Protein backbone atom coordinates (compact mmCIF):
# COMPACT_ATOMS: atom_id res chain seq x y z
CA MET A 1 19.84 6.29 4.62
CA ARG A 2 17.00 6.70 1.63
CA PRO A 3 13.98 7.78 3.99
CA PHE A 4 16.68 10.86 5.29
CA LEU A 5 17.81 11.53 1.68
CA ALA A 6 13.83 11.74 0.57
CA ALA A 7 12.70 13.71 3.13
CA ALA A 8 16.07 16.65 3.52
CA ARG A 9 15.62 16.94 -0.77
CA ASN A 10 11.54 17.21 -0.59
CA THR A 11 11.96 14.16 -3.51
CA ALA A 12 9.78 11.52 -0.88
CA PRO A 13 6.45 10.28 -2.84
CA PRO A 14 2.99 13.33 -2.48
CA ASP A 15 1.67 11.31 0.49
CA GLU A 16 4.83 11.26 2.61
CA ASP A 17 4.60 12.95 5.62
CA HIS A 18 8.60 12.17 7.54
CA VAL A 19 10.52 15.60 7.91
CA VAL A 20 14.40 16.05 8.99
CA VAL A 21 15.16 18.26 11.67
CA GLU A 22 18.63 19.58 12.46
CA GLY A 23 20.18 21.70 14.96
CA THR A 24 19.73 21.65 18.97
CA TRP A 25 17.10 24.09 18.25
CA ALA A 26 15.08 21.55 15.90
CA HIS A 27 15.53 18.68 18.75
CA GLU A 28 14.43 20.42 21.83
CA MET A 29 11.05 21.54 19.44
CA LEU A 30 10.89 18.19 18.69
CA LEU A 31 11.79 16.70 22.33
CA ALA A 32 8.79 20.53 23.47
CA ALA A 33 6.38 18.67 21.18
CA ARG A 34 6.60 15.06 22.01
CA THR A 35 7.02 14.13 18.06
CA PRO A 36 7.71 10.68 17.86
CA VAL A 37 11.24 10.16 16.28
CA GLU A 38 11.78 7.51 13.82
CA THR A 39 15.29 7.75 13.24
CA PHE A 40 17.97 9.01 15.71
CA LEU A 41 21.25 9.96 14.26
CA TRP A 42 24.37 12.24 16.30
CA CYS A 43 28.15 13.05 15.61
CA PRO A 44 30.06 12.68 18.94
CA GLU A 45 32.24 14.98 17.70
CA LEU A 46 29.96 17.49 16.52
CA VAL A 47 28.15 17.26 20.07
CA ARG A 48 30.05 20.14 21.38
CA THR A 49 27.34 22.06 23.79
CA PRO A 50 25.52 20.54 27.15
CA GLU A 51 22.17 21.71 25.16
CA ALA A 52 23.21 19.53 22.11
CA ARG A 53 24.21 16.45 24.82
CA ARG A 54 21.31 16.89 26.60
CA CYS A 55 18.79 15.87 23.22
CA ALA A 56 21.56 13.26 22.12
CA ASP A 57 21.15 11.82 25.44
CA VAL A 58 16.90 12.48 25.65
CA LEU A 59 17.01 10.90 21.85
CA ARG A 60 19.10 7.82 21.83
CA ALA A 61 16.35 6.45 24.84
CA ARG A 62 13.42 7.70 22.71
CA ALA A 63 13.74 7.12 19.46
CA GLU A 64 12.53 4.00 17.69
CA THR A 65 16.44 3.59 16.20
CA ALA A 66 19.75 5.59 17.13
CA TYR A 67 23.02 5.62 15.25
CA GLU A 68 26.36 6.74 16.06
CA ILE A 69 27.26 8.09 13.19
CA GLY A 70 31.08 9.99 11.66
CA PRO A 71 31.49 13.43 10.71
CA LYS A 72 31.52 11.62 6.38
CA VAL A 73 28.42 10.58 7.20
CA LEU A 74 27.32 13.72 8.01
CA THR A 75 28.27 15.63 5.73
CA ARG A 76 25.88 13.67 2.65
CA LEU A 77 23.04 13.78 5.03
CA CYS A 78 22.96 17.44 6.96
CA GLY A 79 22.08 20.18 4.67
CA ARG A 80 23.93 23.19 7.39
CA ALA A 81 26.97 24.43 6.67
CA ARG A 82 28.08 23.85 10.48
CA SER A 83 26.38 21.30 11.71
CA ASP A 84 25.66 20.63 15.60
CA GLY A 85 26.31 16.67 15.12
CA LEU A 86 22.49 15.97 15.25
CA LEU A 87 19.52 14.40 13.00
CA ALA A 88 16.09 13.10 13.43
CA LEU A 89 13.70 12.07 11.07
CA ALA A 90 10.00 12.25 12.11
CA ARG A 91 7.00 12.52 10.94
CA LEU A 92 4.87 15.13 11.27
CA PRO A 93 1.00 14.88 12.93
CA ARG A 94 -0.73 13.92 10.83
CA ARG A 95 -4.58 16.45 11.53
CA THR A 96 -8.23 15.99 9.84
CA ALA A 97 -10.94 19.05 9.59
CA ALA A 98 -13.15 16.88 11.19
CA GLU A 99 -11.31 16.49 14.09
CA LEU A 100 -10.75 20.21 15.26
CA ASP A 101 -13.20 21.03 17.69
CA PHE A 102 -13.35 25.46 18.11
CA GLY A 103 -15.10 28.03 20.69
CA ASP A 104 -16.67 30.31 21.22
CA ARG A 105 -14.11 32.07 19.66
CA ALA A 106 -11.69 31.51 17.63
CA LEU A 107 -9.24 32.48 14.42
CA VAL A 108 -8.04 31.00 11.84
CA LEU A 109 -5.70 31.61 9.14
CA VAL A 110 -6.33 30.35 5.76
CA ALA A 111 -3.02 29.78 3.35
CA ASP A 112 -4.59 29.65 -0.51
CA GLY A 113 -2.22 29.14 -3.15
CA ILE A 114 0.65 29.74 -1.36
CA GLU A 115 3.57 29.36 -3.78
CA TYR A 116 6.76 29.59 -2.04
CA ALA A 117 8.00 27.06 1.35
CA GLY A 118 9.94 29.77 3.29
CA ASN A 119 5.69 31.40 3.03
CA LEU A 120 3.94 28.77 4.58
CA GLY A 121 6.97 28.49 7.39
CA THR A 122 6.79 31.77 7.61
CA LEU A 123 2.71 31.91 7.87
CA ILE A 124 2.38 28.78 9.94
CA ARG A 125 4.63 30.59 12.55
CA THR A 126 2.77 33.79 12.50
CA ALA A 127 -0.46 31.31 13.49
CA ASP A 128 1.66 29.84 16.36
CA ALA A 129 2.30 33.71 17.03
CA CYS A 130 -0.99 34.72 17.10
CA SER A 131 -2.65 32.10 19.57
CA ALA A 132 -4.30 30.60 15.71
CA ASP A 133 -6.78 27.68 16.20
CA CYS A 134 -5.28 26.37 13.09
CA VAL A 135 -3.66 27.29 9.18
CA VAL A 136 -5.81 25.31 6.58
CA LEU A 137 -4.43 24.72 3.05
CA VAL A 138 -6.22 25.55 -0.02
CA ARG A 139 -4.71 24.90 -3.45
CA ARG A 140 -1.70 23.16 -1.76
CA GLN A 141 1.22 24.47 -3.47
CA VAL A 142 4.50 23.10 -1.24
CA ARG A 143 4.68 19.94 1.18
CA PRO A 144 4.43 21.21 5.50
CA ASN A 145 7.15 18.79 5.62
CA HIS A 146 9.39 20.98 3.06
CA PRO A 147 12.97 21.35 5.17
CA ARG A 148 12.42 25.50 4.27
CA VAL A 149 8.91 25.65 5.64
CA PHE A 150 9.93 23.22 9.37
CA VAL A 151 13.21 26.74 9.50
CA ALA A 152 10.95 28.78 8.44
CA SER A 153 7.64 28.03 11.24
CA ARG A 154 11.09 27.43 14.06
CA GLY A 155 9.70 24.25 14.42
CA THR A 156 5.78 24.97 15.10
CA VAL A 157 5.01 22.89 12.14
CA LEU A 158 5.04 20.68 14.50
CA THR A 159 2.51 22.51 17.02
CA VAL A 160 0.48 24.06 15.13
CA PRO A 161 -2.66 22.46 12.91
CA VAL A 162 -2.33 22.33 9.65
CA VAL A 163 -5.31 20.79 7.75
CA GLU A 164 -6.20 20.62 3.79
CA PHE A 165 -9.00 22.14 1.20
CA PRO A 166 -8.67 21.15 -2.38
CA ASP A 167 -10.74 23.91 -2.47
CA PRO A 168 -11.71 27.50 -1.62
CA VAL A 169 -15.33 26.42 -1.76
CA ALA A 170 -14.99 23.54 0.10
CA ALA A 171 -13.14 25.61 2.66
CA ALA A 172 -15.26 27.75 2.38
CA ALA A 173 -18.57 25.39 3.31
CA TRP A 174 -16.44 24.24 6.24
CA LEU A 175 -15.70 27.52 7.58
CA ALA A 176 -19.91 28.79 7.11
CA ARG A 177 -20.76 25.33 8.79
CA ARG A 178 -19.09 26.51 11.79
CA GLY A 179 -20.20 30.31 11.95
CA PHE A 180 -16.60 31.63 10.81
CA THR A 181 -16.90 35.55 9.36
CA VAL A 182 -14.73 35.09 6.43
CA VAL A 183 -12.31 38.04 5.42
CA VAL A 184 -10.18 37.98 2.20
CA ALA A 185 -7.37 40.03 2.04
CA GLU A 186 -7.50 41.77 -1.55
CA PRO A 187 -4.85 44.73 -2.35
CA GLY A 188 -8.05 46.09 -4.39
CA ALA A 189 -10.50 46.27 -1.88
CA THR A 190 -12.21 49.35 -0.57
CA ARG A 191 -12.21 48.68 3.48
CA ASP A 192 -9.79 49.07 4.74
CA TYR A 193 -8.63 45.95 7.75
CA ARG A 194 -9.18 48.05 10.23
CA THR A 195 -12.65 49.05 10.27
CA GLY A 196 -14.17 46.16 12.46
CA ASP A 197 -14.23 43.17 10.08
CA LEU A 198 -12.49 40.71 12.40
CA SER A 199 -14.18 41.38 15.38
CA SER A 200 -16.29 38.10 14.81
CA PRO A 201 -16.38 35.86 17.22
CA ARG A 202 -15.48 33.63 14.96
CA THR A 203 -12.72 34.52 12.02
CA ALA A 204 -11.05 33.58 9.75
CA VAL A 205 -8.52 35.28 7.56
CA VAL A 206 -7.53 34.58 4.25
CA VAL A 207 -4.27 34.98 1.75
CA GLY A 208 -3.49 34.44 -0.97
CA SER A 209 -0.23 33.73 -3.46
CA GLU A 210 1.84 37.47 -4.03
CA GLY A 211 1.42 36.24 -7.76
CA ARG A 212 -1.79 36.17 -7.84
CA GLY A 213 -3.72 36.80 -4.64
CA VAL A 214 -6.18 34.58 -3.65
CA SER A 215 -8.41 31.67 -5.93
CA SER A 216 -11.96 33.60 -7.74
CA GLY A 217 -13.43 30.88 -5.72
CA TRP A 218 -14.28 32.67 -2.41
CA TYR A 219 -15.93 35.14 -3.61
CA ALA A 220 -19.16 32.21 -5.07
CA ALA A 221 -19.14 32.44 -1.06
CA ARG A 222 -20.02 35.60 1.79
CA VAL A 223 -16.59 37.11 2.58
CA ARG A 224 -15.70 40.50 3.00
CA PRO A 225 -12.34 41.84 1.06
CA VAL A 226 -10.23 44.18 2.88
CA SER A 227 -6.95 45.20 2.22
CA ILE A 228 -3.65 46.91 4.04
CA PRO A 229 -3.71 50.52 3.18
CA MET A 230 -0.44 50.97 1.05
CA PHE A 231 0.99 54.25 0.86
CA GLY A 232 4.83 53.50 -1.08
CA THR A 233 5.42 52.33 -4.83
CA ALA A 234 4.84 48.82 -4.14
CA ASP A 235 1.08 47.31 -4.56
CA SER A 236 1.34 44.61 -1.36
CA LEU A 237 3.30 43.62 1.13
CA ASN A 238 4.35 39.61 1.32
CA VAL A 239 2.03 37.39 1.92
CA SER A 240 3.25 36.72 5.26
CA VAL A 241 3.36 40.09 6.68
CA SER A 242 0.19 41.02 5.18
CA ALA A 243 -1.10 37.98 7.31
CA ALA A 244 0.58 39.38 10.08
CA LEU A 245 -1.12 42.85 10.36
CA LEU A 246 -4.19 41.01 10.02
CA LEU A 247 -4.11 38.10 12.83
CA TYR A 248 -3.12 40.74 15.46
CA GLU A 249 -5.80 43.32 14.37
CA ALA A 250 -8.39 40.28 14.93
CA ARG A 251 -6.85 39.63 18.30
CA ARG A 252 -6.98 43.80 19.38
CA THR A 253 -10.16 43.69 18.50
CA ARG A 254 -11.38 40.36 19.99
CA ALA A 255 -9.32 39.67 22.49
CA GLN A 256 -8.84 42.88 24.88
CA PRO A 257 -7.39 41.71 28.04
CA GLY A 258 -10.49 40.72 30.32
CA GLN A 259 -12.86 40.14 27.68
CA ASP A 260 -11.76 37.01 25.94
CA PRO A 261 -10.12 34.19 28.67
CA SER A 262 -9.78 32.00 26.14
CA CYS A 263 -6.97 33.94 24.95
CA ARG A 264 -3.04 32.59 25.98
CA SER A 265 -0.90 35.33 27.95
CA PRO A 266 1.72 36.98 25.68
CA ARG A 267 5.10 35.26 26.42
CA THR A 268 7.70 37.00 27.19
CA GLY A 269 10.90 36.14 24.42
CA GLY A 270 9.52 33.82 22.40
CA ALA A 271 11.76 31.84 19.43
CA ALA A 272 12.51 35.36 17.83
CA ALA A 273 14.28 35.94 20.90
CA ARG A 274 16.13 33.14 21.12
CA ARG A 275 17.52 33.48 17.86
């Protein structure tokens, strides 16, 4: 059970990519994403709903190893107050920047120095909602397999490509070689984000940590700083809220109906509607 505990408590080695999945909705995401499952545990006494029983039946056959456990063992391993009786140990997909192939129109979210797992997970969920092509992590402060990242992303960390760069210089060079216009969210910028800077066919939106903002290294490249108007006393929004405004604006200006055949049709009722 050590891999379960290490992943659940975020104490695994830095290069480890195991993630612990709890709850029926999360196991449904595993199945939908066809994520390989190394170990599946289930407690029959707590598997009560038809959906949970279906997940248990499928994963018992699909997982590399599967074990039936009792409530006491589950309580030791599970981080939830009320469990659905399902636990899985899976690996997040490994992706590299070299593997990504962009079309004529592409949208990328860059998360620079994000410090909190909840924020990173919400950024990934937002990227999924806006059909972004990938999320780029720069100066990573929290691991994508952190349990809170999985929960905050509603499992979309399994399906949204996530790649990493050690610093903004490397990330900016990679984006420049691929023809991206880089737009940096900066509270003090004089240009409003609605002035058209997000309309380029290939756009990368950079957001930074709430405490320090984006790295100064971005300004060594050709970037477009933009700001979101603030009408109250706060000087900025939560980073995930800012990213949502900028990504949706990019979609609005670049992907009007009938103009961008590569844009996915909006989905009716997503994860938020099922919560």
